[in-house]
PDB file of N, CA and C in Angstrom:
ATOM      1  N   MET A   1      22.088  -6.258  13.421  1.00  0.00           N
ATOM      2  CA  MET A   1      21.533  -6.386  14.753  1.00  0.00           C
ATOM      3  C   MET A   1      22.645  -6.176  15.772  1.00  0.00           C
ATOM      4  N   SER A   2      22.276  -5.912  16.965  1.00  0.00           N
ATOM      5  CA  SER A   2      23.264  -5.674  18.019  1.00  0.00           C
ATOM      6  C   SER A   2      23.931  -6.981  18.435  1.00  0.00           C
ATOM      7  N   ASN A   3      24.886  -6.880  19.326  1.00  0.00           N
ATOM      8  CA  ASN A   3      25.642  -8.049  19.772  1.00  0.00           C
ATOM      9  C   ASN A   3      24.912  -8.887  20.809  1.00  0.00           C
ATOM     10  N   GLU A   4      23.763  -8.417  21.282  1.00  0.00           N
ATOM     11  CA  GLU A   4      23.044  -9.176  22.298  1.00  0.00           C
ATOM     12  C   GLU A   4      22.344 -10.380  21.665  1.00  0.00           C
ATOM     13  N   ASN A   5      22.110 -11.405  22.457  1.00  0.00           N
ATOM     14  CA  ASN A   5      21.382 -12.565  21.971  1.00  0.00           C
ATOM     15  C   ASN A   5      19.916 -12.214  21.812  1.00  0.00           C
ATOM     16  N   VAL A   6      19.330 -12.644  20.739  1.00  0.00           N
ATOM     17  CA  VAL A   6      17.915 -12.436  20.499  1.00  0.00           C
ATOM     18  C   VAL A   6      17.268 -13.806  20.460  1.00  0.00           C
ATOM     19  N   THR A   7      16.162 -13.941  21.149  1.00  0.00           N
ATOM     20  CA  THR A   7      15.467 -15.214  21.204  1.00  0.00           C
ATOM     21  C   THR A   7      14.178 -15.097  20.408  1.00  0.00           C
ATOM     22  N   ILE A   8      13.882 -16.108  19.594  1.00  0.00           N
ATOM     23  CA  ILE A   8      12.614 -16.108  18.874  1.00  0.00           C
ATOM     24  C   ILE A   8      11.793 -17.302  19.318  1.00  0.00           C
ATOM     25  N   ARG A   9      10.497 -17.147  19.246  1.00  0.00           N
ATOM     26  CA  ARG A   9       9.598 -18.242  19.568  1.00  0.00           C
ATOM     27  C   ARG A   9       8.608 -18.396  18.427  1.00  0.00           C
ATOM     28  N   VAL A  10       8.420 -19.615  17.974  1.00  0.00           N
ATOM     29  CA  VAL A  10       7.402 -19.899  16.977  1.00  0.00           C
ATOM     30  C   VAL A  10       6.106 -20.099  17.733  1.00  0.00           C
ATOM     31  N   ILE A  11       5.110 -19.291  17.426  1.00  0.00           N
ATOM     32  CA  ILE A  11       3.863 -19.333  18.180  1.00  0.00           C
ATOM     33  C   ILE A  11       2.923 -20.338  17.542  1.00  0.00           C
ATOM     34  N   LYS A  12       2.754 -21.453  18.208  1.00  0.00           N
ATOM     35  CA  LYS A  12       1.837 -22.510  17.785  1.00  0.00           C
ATOM     36  C   LYS A  12       1.055 -22.933  19.017  1.00  0.00           C
ATOM     37  N   ASP A  13      -0.068 -23.547  18.810  1.00  0.00           N
ATOM     38  CA  ASP A  13      -0.839 -24.058  19.950  1.00  0.00           C
ATOM     39  C   ASP A  13      -0.330 -25.438  20.301  1.00  0.00           C
ATOM     40  N   PRO A  14      -0.168 -25.772  21.558  1.00  0.00           N
ATOM     41  CA  PRO A  14      -0.289 -24.899  22.703  1.00  0.00           C
ATOM     42  C   PRO A  14       1.022 -24.250  23.103  1.00  0.00           C
ATOM     43  N   ASP A  15       2.187 -24.795  22.687  1.00  0.00           N
ATOM     44  CA  ASP A  15       3.463 -24.324  23.221  1.00  0.00           C
ATOM     45  C   ASP A  15       4.417 -23.974  22.081  1.00  0.00           C
ATOM     46  N   PRO A  16       4.938 -22.745  22.052  1.00  0.00           N
ATOM     47  CA  PRO A  16       5.864 -22.381  20.983  1.00  0.00           C
ATOM     48  C   PRO A  16       7.236 -23.009  21.182  1.00  0.00           C
ATOM     49  N   SER A  17       7.922 -23.280  20.077  1.00  0.00           N
ATOM     50  CA  SER A  17       9.297 -23.757  20.203  1.00  0.00           C
ATOM     51  C   SER A  17      10.209 -22.543  20.372  1.00  0.00           C
ATOM     52  N   LEU A  18      11.331 -22.757  20.988  1.00  0.00           N
ATOM     53  CA  LEU A  18      12.249 -21.676  21.336  1.00  0.00           C
ATOM     54  C   LEU A  18      13.516 -21.822  20.501  1.00  0.00           C
ATOM     55  N   ILE A  19      13.902 -20.744  19.851  1.00  0.00           N
ATOM     56  CA  ILE A  19      15.094 -20.766  19.009  1.00  0.00           C
ATOM     57  C   ILE A  19      15.964 -19.578  19.394  1.00  0.00           C
ATOM     58  N   THR A  20      17.235 -19.830  19.641  1.00  0.00           N
ATOM     59  CA  THR A  20      18.174 -18.749  19.889  1.00  0.00           C
ATOM     60  C   THR A  20      19.118 -18.712  18.701  1.00  0.00           C
ATOM     61  N   TYR A  21      19.437 -17.527  18.228  1.00  0.00           N
ATOM     62  CA  TYR A  21      20.260 -17.452  17.033  1.00  0.00           C
ATOM     63  C   TYR A  21      21.468 -16.558  17.236  1.00  0.00           C
ATOM     64  N   ARG A  22      22.457 -16.798  16.463  1.00  0.00           N
ATOM     65  CA  ARG A  22      23.629 -15.936  16.317  1.00  0.00           C
ATOM     66  C   ARG A  22      24.330 -16.363  15.028  1.00  0.00           C
ATOM     67  N   HIS A  23      23.629 -16.423  13.932  1.00  0.00           N
ATOM     68  CA  HIS A  23      24.235 -16.862  12.677  1.00  0.00           C
ATOM     69  C   HIS A  23      23.657 -16.100  11.498  1.00  0.00           C
ATOM     70  N   ARG A  24      24.285 -16.233  10.350  1.00  0.00           N
ATOM     71  CA  ARG A  24      23.901 -15.474   9.153  1.00  0.00           C
ATOM     72  C   ARG A  24      22.561 -15.923   8.582  1.00  0.00           C
ATOM     73  N   GLY A  25      22.165 -17.161   8.773  1.00  0.00           N
ATOM     74  CA  GLY A  25      20.947 -17.680   8.175  1.00  0.00           C
ATOM     75  C   GLY A  25      19.683 -17.389   8.964  1.00  0.00           C
ATOM     76  N   PHE A  26      19.751 -16.432   9.872  1.00  0.00           N
ATOM     77  CA  PHE A  26      18.610 -16.124  10.739  1.00  0.00           C
ATOM     78  C   PHE A  26      17.353 -15.802   9.936  1.00  0.00           C
ATOM     79  N   TYR A  27      17.455 -14.880   8.980  1.00  0.00           N
ATOM     80  CA  TYR A  27      16.269 -14.480   8.234  1.00  0.00           C
ATOM     81  C   TYR A  27      15.773 -15.592   7.310  1.00  0.00           C
ATOM     82  N   ASP A  28      16.671 -16.426   6.816  1.00  0.00           N
ATOM     83  CA  ASP A  28      16.239 -17.586   6.017  1.00  0.00           C
ATOM     84  C   ASP A  28      15.392 -18.522   6.878  1.00  0.00           C
ATOM     85  N   HIS A  29      15.841 -18.731   8.095  1.00  0.00           N
ATOM     86  CA  HIS A  29      15.115 -19.608   9.019  1.00  0.00           C
ATOM     87  C   HIS A  29      13.738 -19.019   9.352  1.00  0.00           C
ATOM     88  N   ILE A  30      13.690 -17.728   9.639  1.00  0.00           N
ATOM     89  CA  ILE A  30      12.423 -17.064   9.946  1.00  0.00           C
ATOM     90  C   ILE A  30      11.498 -17.113   8.729  1.00  0.00           C
ATOM     91  N   ALA A  31      12.033 -16.892   7.532  1.00  0.00           N
ATOM     92  CA  ALA A  31      11.221 -16.934   6.309  1.00  0.00           C
ATOM     93  C   ALA A  31      10.593 -18.315   6.132  1.00  0.00           C
ATOM     94  N   ASP A  32      11.345 -19.374   6.406  1.00  0.00           N
ATOM     95  CA  ASP A  32      10.801 -20.742   6.310  1.00  0.00           C
ATOM     96  C   ASP A  32       9.648 -20.938   7.283  1.00  0.00           C
ATOM     97  N   ILE A  33       9.799 -20.446   8.494  1.00  0.00           N
ATOM     98  CA  ILE A  33       8.745 -20.587   9.504  1.00  0.00           C
ATOM     99  C   ILE A  33       7.502 -19.803   9.090  1.00  0.00           C
ATOM    100  N   LEU A  34       7.690 -18.583   8.615  1.00  0.00           N
ATOM    101  CA  LEU A  34       6.553 -17.761   8.188  1.00  0.00           C
ATOM    102  C   LEU A  34       5.846 -18.359   6.977  1.00  0.00           C
ATOM    103  N   ALA A  35       6.610 -18.962   6.072  1.00  0.00           N
ATOM    104  CA  ALA A  35       6.025 -19.580   4.876  1.00  0.00           C
ATOM    105  C   ALA A  35       5.120 -20.757   5.242  1.00  0.00           C
ATOM    106  N   GLU A  36       5.382 -21.384   6.381  1.00  0.00           N
ATOM    107  CA  GLU A  36       4.538 -22.489   6.852  1.00  0.00           C
ATOM    108  C   GLU A  36       3.227 -21.980   7.442  1.00  0.00           C
ATOM    109  N   GLY A  37       3.122 -20.675   7.643  1.00  0.00           N
ATOM    110  CA  GLY A  37       1.906 -20.099   8.199  1.00  0.00           C
ATOM    111  C   GLY A  37       1.957 -19.864   9.705  1.00  0.00           C
ATOM    112  N   SER A  38       3.110 -20.047  10.318  1.00  0.00           N
ATOM    113  CA  SER A  38       3.252 -19.831  11.754  1.00  0.00           C
ATOM    114  C   SER A  38       3.559 -18.371  12.047  1.00  0.00           C
ATOM    115  N   LYS A  39       3.286 -17.974  13.278  1.00  0.00           N
ATOM    116  CA  LYS A  39       3.677 -16.656  13.765  1.00  0.00           C
ATOM    117  C   LYS A  39       4.965 -16.822  14.554  1.00  0.00           C
ATOM    118  N   VAL A  40       5.797 -15.791  14.539  1.00  0.00           N
ATOM    119  CA  VAL A  40       7.077 -15.831  15.236  1.00  0.00           C
ATOM    120  C   VAL A  40       7.152 -14.642  16.192  1.00  0.00           C
ATOM    121  N   PHE A  41       7.550 -14.905  17.430  1.00  0.00           N
ATOM    122  CA  PHE A  41       7.807 -13.838  18.392  1.00  0.00           C
ATOM    123  C   PHE A  41       9.315 -13.692  18.525  1.00  0.00           C
ATOM    124  N   ILE A  42       9.816 -12.477  18.342  1.00  0.00           N
ATOM    125  CA  ILE A  42      11.244 -12.202  18.501  1.00  0.00           C
ATOM    126  C   ILE A  42      11.407 -11.243  19.666  1.00  0.00           C
ATOM    127  N   GLN A  43      12.072 -11.723  20.684  1.00  0.00           N
ATOM    128  CA  GLN A  43      12.258 -10.941  21.906  1.00  0.00           C
ATOM    129  C   GLN A  43      13.516 -10.087  21.771  1.00  0.00           C
ATOM    130  N   ASN A  44      13.559  -8.977  22.507  1.00  0.00           N
ATOM    131  CA  ASN A  44      14.710  -8.053  22.512  1.00  0.00           C
ATOM    132  C   ASN A  44      14.988  -7.456  21.143  1.00  0.00           C
ATOM    133  N   MET A  45      13.957  -7.187  20.372  1.00  0.00           N
ATOM    134  CA  MET A  45      14.115  -6.604  19.048  1.00  0.00           C
ATOM    135  C   MET A  45      13.676  -5.142  19.106  1.00  0.00           C
ATOM    136  N   SER A  46      14.488  -4.261  18.571  1.00  0.00           N
ATOM    137  CA  SER A  46      14.131  -2.838  18.550  1.00  0.00           C
ATOM    138  C   SER A  46      13.180  -2.555  17.394  1.00  0.00           C
ATOM    139  N   ARG A  47      12.586  -1.369  17.412  1.00  0.00           N
ATOM    140  CA  ARG A  47      11.679  -0.978  16.333  1.00  0.00           C
ATOM    141  C   ARG A  47      12.438  -0.910  15.007  1.00  0.00           C
ATOM    142  N   ARG A  48      13.659  -0.447  15.047  1.00  0.00           N
ATOM    143  CA  ARG A  48      14.488  -0.366  13.839  1.00  0.00           C
ATOM    144  C   ARG A  48      14.791  -1.763  13.290  1.00  0.00           C
ATOM    145  N   GLN A  49      15.121  -2.694  14.168  1.00  0.00           N
ATOM    146  CA  GLN A  49      15.381  -4.069  13.744  1.00  0.00           C
ATOM    147  C   GLN A  49      14.124  -4.712  13.176  1.00  0.00           C
ATOM    148  N   ALA A  50      12.968  -4.408  13.774  1.00  0.00           N
ATOM    149  CA  ALA A  50      11.702  -4.956  13.286  1.00  0.00           C
ATOM    150  C   ALA A  50      11.398  -4.440  11.884  1.00  0.00           C
ATOM    151  N   SER A  51      11.660  -3.178  11.640  1.00  0.00           N
ATOM    152  CA  SER A  51      11.447  -2.596  10.314  1.00  0.00           C
ATOM    153  C   SER A  51      12.372  -3.252   9.283  1.00  0.00           C
ATOM    154  N   TYR A  52      13.623  -3.451   9.652  1.00  0.00           N
ATOM    155  CA  TYR A  52      14.574  -4.116   8.768  1.00  0.00           C
ATOM    156  C   TYR A  52      14.158  -5.563   8.513  1.00  0.00           C
ATOM    157  N   ALA A  53      13.690  -6.243   9.552  1.00  0.00           N
ATOM    158  CA  ALA A  53      13.237  -7.630   9.400  1.00  0.00           C
ATOM    159  C   ALA A  53      12.083  -7.701   8.407  1.00  0.00           C
ATOM    160  N   ARG A  54      11.130  -6.770   8.502  1.00  0.00           N
ATOM    161  CA  ARG A  54      10.006  -6.749   7.559  1.00  0.00           C
ATOM    162  C   ARG A  54      10.508  -6.604   6.126  1.00  0.00           C
ATOM    163  N   LYS A  55      11.466  -5.713   5.922  1.00  0.00           N
ATOM    164  CA  LYS A  55      12.009  -5.474   4.581  1.00  0.00           C
ATOM    165  C   LYS A  55      12.696  -6.726   4.034  1.00  0.00           C
ATOM    166  N   VAL A  56      13.564  -7.332   4.836  1.00  0.00           N
ATOM    167  CA  VAL A  56      14.300  -8.524   4.402  1.00  0.00           C
ATOM    168  C   VAL A  56      13.341  -9.684   4.137  1.00  0.00           C
ATOM    169  N   LEU A  57      12.408  -9.911   5.051  1.00  0.00           N
ATOM    170  CA  LEU A  57      11.476 -11.034   4.895  1.00  0.00           C
ATOM    171  C   LEU A  57      10.514 -10.808   3.733  1.00  0.00           C
ATOM    172  N   SER A  58      10.120  -9.577   3.491  1.00  0.00           N
ATOM    173  CA  SER A  58       9.266  -9.277   2.333  1.00  0.00           C
ATOM    174  C   SER A  58       9.976  -9.632   1.037  1.00  0.00           C
ATOM    175  N   ASN A  59      11.271  -9.327   0.964  1.00  0.00           N
ATOM    176  CA  ASN A  59      12.047  -9.676  -0.228  1.00  0.00           C
ATOM    177  C   ASN A  59      12.215 -11.180  -0.371  1.00  0.00           C
ATOM    178  N   LYS A  60      12.493 -11.864   0.723  1.00  0.00           N
ATOM    179  CA  LYS A  60      12.696 -13.313   0.672  1.00  0.00           C
ATOM    180  C   LYS A  60      11.422 -14.064   0.303  1.00  0.00           C
ATOM    181  N   LEU A  61      10.289 -13.607   0.850  1.00  0.00           N
ATOM    182  CA  LEU A  61       9.013 -14.292   0.605  1.00  0.00           C
ATOM    183  C   LEU A  61       8.239 -13.693  -0.571  1.00  0.00           C
ATOM    184  N   LYS A  62       8.782 -12.646  -1.162  1.00  0.00           N
ATOM    185  CA  LYS A  62       8.154 -11.971  -2.297  1.00  0.00           C
ATOM    186  C   LYS A  62       6.705 -11.571  -2.014  1.00  0.00           C
ATOM    187  N   THR A  63       6.524 -10.910  -0.884  1.00  0.00           N
ATOM    188  CA  THR A  63       5.212 -10.423  -0.484  1.00  0.00           C
ATOM    189  C   THR A  63       5.360  -9.121   0.287  1.00  0.00           C
ATOM    190  N   ASN A  64       4.360  -8.286   0.211  1.00  0.00           N
ATOM    191  CA  ASN A  64       4.337  -7.058   1.003  1.00  0.00           C
ATOM    192  C   ASN A  64       3.432  -7.208   2.213  1.00  0.00           C
ATOM    193  N   GLU A  65       3.016  -8.423   2.491  1.00  0.00           N
ATOM    194  CA  GLU A  65       2.041  -8.672   3.558  1.00  0.00           C
ATOM    195  C   GLU A  65       2.660  -9.247   4.825  1.00  0.00           C
ATOM    196  N   ILE A  66       3.894  -8.864   5.141  1.00  0.00           N
ATOM    197  CA  ILE A  66       4.522  -9.265   6.402  1.00  0.00           C
ATOM    198  C   ILE A  66       4.003  -8.312   7.478  1.00  0.00           C
ATOM    199  N   ILE A  67       3.370  -8.852   8.485  1.00  0.00           N
ATOM    200  CA  ILE A  67       2.837  -8.062   9.582  1.00  0.00           C
ATOM    201  C   ILE A  67       3.835  -8.125  10.735  1.00  0.00           C
ATOM    202  N   VAL A  68       4.224  -6.956  11.251  1.00  0.00           N
ATOM    203  CA  VAL A  68       5.157  -6.851  12.382  1.00  0.00           C
ATOM    204  C   VAL A  68       4.478  -5.994  13.436  1.00  0.00           C
ATOM    205  N   MET A  69       4.228  -6.589  14.609  1.00  0.00           N
ATOM    206  CA  MET A  69       3.510  -5.882  15.674  1.00  0.00           C
ATOM    207  C   MET A  69       4.274  -5.977  16.986  1.00  0.00           C
ATOM    208  N   PRO A  70       4.403  -4.855  17.703  1.00  0.00           N
ATOM    209  CA  PRO A  70       5.004  -4.940  19.033  1.00  0.00           C
ATOM    210  C   PRO A  70       4.107  -5.763  19.941  1.00  0.00           C
ATOM    211  N   ALA A  71       4.725  -6.552  20.807  1.00  0.00           N
ATOM    212  CA  ALA A  71       3.927  -7.436  21.656  1.00  0.00           C
ATOM    213  C   ALA A  71       4.682  -7.790  22.926  1.00  0.00           C
ATOM    214  N   ILE A  72       3.919  -8.240  23.906  1.00  0.00           N
ATOM    215  CA  ILE A  72       4.485  -8.841  25.110  1.00  0.00           C
ATOM    216  C   ILE A  72       3.984 -10.273  25.113  1.00  0.00           C
ATOM    217  N   TYR A  73       4.904 -11.218  25.080  1.00  0.00           N
ATOM    218  CA  TYR A  73       4.560 -12.636  25.020  1.00  0.00           C
ATOM    219  C   TYR A  73       5.284 -13.343  26.152  1.00  0.00           C
ATOM    220  N   GLU A  74       4.525 -14.011  26.994  1.00  0.00           N
ATOM    221  CA  GLU A  74       5.069 -14.698  28.168  1.00  0.00           C
ATOM    222  C   GLU A  74       5.964 -13.754  28.992  1.00  0.00           C
ATOM    223  N   GLY A  75       5.523 -12.502  29.152  1.00  0.00           N
ATOM    224  CA  GLY A  75       6.235 -11.541  29.974  1.00  0.00           C
ATOM    225  C   GLY A  75       7.439 -10.886  29.319  1.00  0.00           C
ATOM    226  N   GLN A  76       7.721 -11.197  28.077  1.00  0.00           N
ATOM    227  CA  GLN A  76       8.875 -10.647  27.375  1.00  0.00           C
ATOM    228  C   GLN A  76       8.410  -9.664  26.304  1.00  0.00           C
ATOM    229  N   GLU A  77       9.089  -8.533  26.184  1.00  0.00           N
ATOM    230  CA  GLU A  77       8.768  -7.564  25.146  1.00  0.00           C
ATOM    231  C   GLU A  77       9.492  -7.919  23.862  1.00  0.00           C
ATOM    232  N   GLY A  78       8.840  -7.679  22.747  1.00  0.00           N
ATOM    233  CA  GLY A  78       9.439  -7.946  21.447  1.00  0.00           C
ATOM    234  C   GLY A  78       8.443  -7.669  20.339  1.00  0.00           C
ATOM    235  N   TYR A  79       8.570  -8.397  19.258  1.00  0.00           N
ATOM    236  CA  TYR A  79       7.689  -8.230  18.101  1.00  0.00           C
ATOM    237  C   TYR A  79       7.189  -9.583  17.616  1.00  0.00           C
ATOM    238  N   ILE A  80       5.933  -9.595  17.165  1.00  0.00           N
ATOM    239  CA  ILE A  80       5.354 -10.768  16.520  1.00  0.00           C
ATOM    240  C   ILE A  80       5.367 -10.504  15.023  1.00  0.00           C
ATOM    241  N   LEU A  81       5.830 -11.491  14.258  1.00  0.00           N
ATOM    242  CA  LEU A  81       5.859 -11.392  12.809  1.00  0.00           C
ATOM    243  C   LEU A  81       5.015 -12.520  12.235  1.00  0.00           C
ATOM    244  N   TYR A  82       4.256 -12.209  11.196  1.00  0.00           N
ATOM    245  CA  TYR A  82       3.514 -13.238  10.477  1.00  0.00           C
ATOM    246  C   TYR A  82       3.136 -12.725   9.099  1.00  0.00           C
ATOM    247  N   VAL A  83       2.735 -13.645   8.230  1.00  0.00           N
ATOM    248  CA  VAL A  83       2.292 -13.299   6.887  1.00  0.00           C
ATOM    249  C   VAL A  83       0.776 -13.323   6.884  1.00  0.00           C
ATOM    250  N   LYS A  84       0.177 -12.316   6.300  1.00  0.00           N
ATOM    251  CA  LYS A  84      -1.277 -12.250   6.184  1.00  0.00           C
ATOM    252  C   LYS A  84      -1.768 -13.517   5.469  1.00  0.00           C
ATOM    253  N   LYS A  85      -2.757 -14.180   6.031  1.00  0.00           N
ATOM    254  CA  LYS A  85      -3.223 -15.490   5.537  1.00  0.00           C
ATOM    255  C   LYS A  85      -3.592 -15.464   4.058  1.00  0.00           C
ATOM    256  N   SER A  86      -4.284 -14.440   3.588  1.00  0.00           N
ATOM    257  CA  SER A  86      -4.715 -14.390   2.195  1.00  0.00           C
ATOM    258  C   SER A  86      -3.530 -14.407   1.245  1.00  0.00           C
ATOM    259  N   ASP A  87      -2.396 -13.798   1.644  1.00  0.00           N
ATOM    260  CA  ASP A  87      -1.220 -13.761   0.801  1.00  0.00           C
ATOM    261  C   ASP A  87      -0.523 -15.117   0.747  1.00  0.00           C
ATOM    262  N   LEU A  88      -0.560 -15.875   1.827  1.00  0.00           N
ATOM    263  CA  LEU A  88       0.042 -17.212   1.843  1.00  0.00           C
ATOM    264  C   LEU A  88      -0.660 -18.136   0.876  1.00  0.00           C
ATOM    265  N   LYS A  89      -1.983 -18.073   0.826  1.00  0.00           N
ATOM    266  CA  LYS A  89      -2.751 -18.962  -0.038  1.00  0.00           C
ATOM    267  C   LYS A  89      -2.457 -18.694  -1.509  1.00  0.00           C
ATOM    268  N   GLN A  90      -2.212 -17.451  -1.888  1.00  0.00           N
ATOM    269  CA  GLN A  90      -1.933 -17.116  -3.284  1.00  0.00           C
ATOM    270  C   GLN A  90      -0.607 -17.686  -3.750  1.00  0.00           C
ATOM    271  N   GLU A  91       0.398 -17.765  -2.849  1.00  0.00           N
ATOM    272  CA  GLU A  91       1.703 -18.279  -3.220  1.00  0.00           C
ATOM    273  C   GLU A  91       1.685 -19.786  -3.458  1.00  0.00           C
ATOM    274  N   GLN A  92       0.833 -20.517  -2.731  1.00  0.00           N
ATOM    275  CA  GLN A  92       0.867 -21.974  -2.808  1.00  0.00           C
ATOM    276  C   GLN A  92      -0.007 -22.515  -3.879  1.00  0.00           C
TER     277      GLN A  92
END
């Protein structure tokens, strides 16, 4: 990823939590959040970074059902990531 700060938000009702990262365990943290069934918004993420994130998270969660969609959330451009619900139920 680039040197800029990237902010992620866990999308839950009603208010997402805000996480800023700059460490090696970023994808481990995102994988844990996705495994819980939450959606994550990552702001300032390029299409290339989103594709790489899908690949890394698919390997970590052992699923091909990681959904990555461009989105605008609270006025910020980025990507929403989540695991297809049917795939989560099979793992548990």
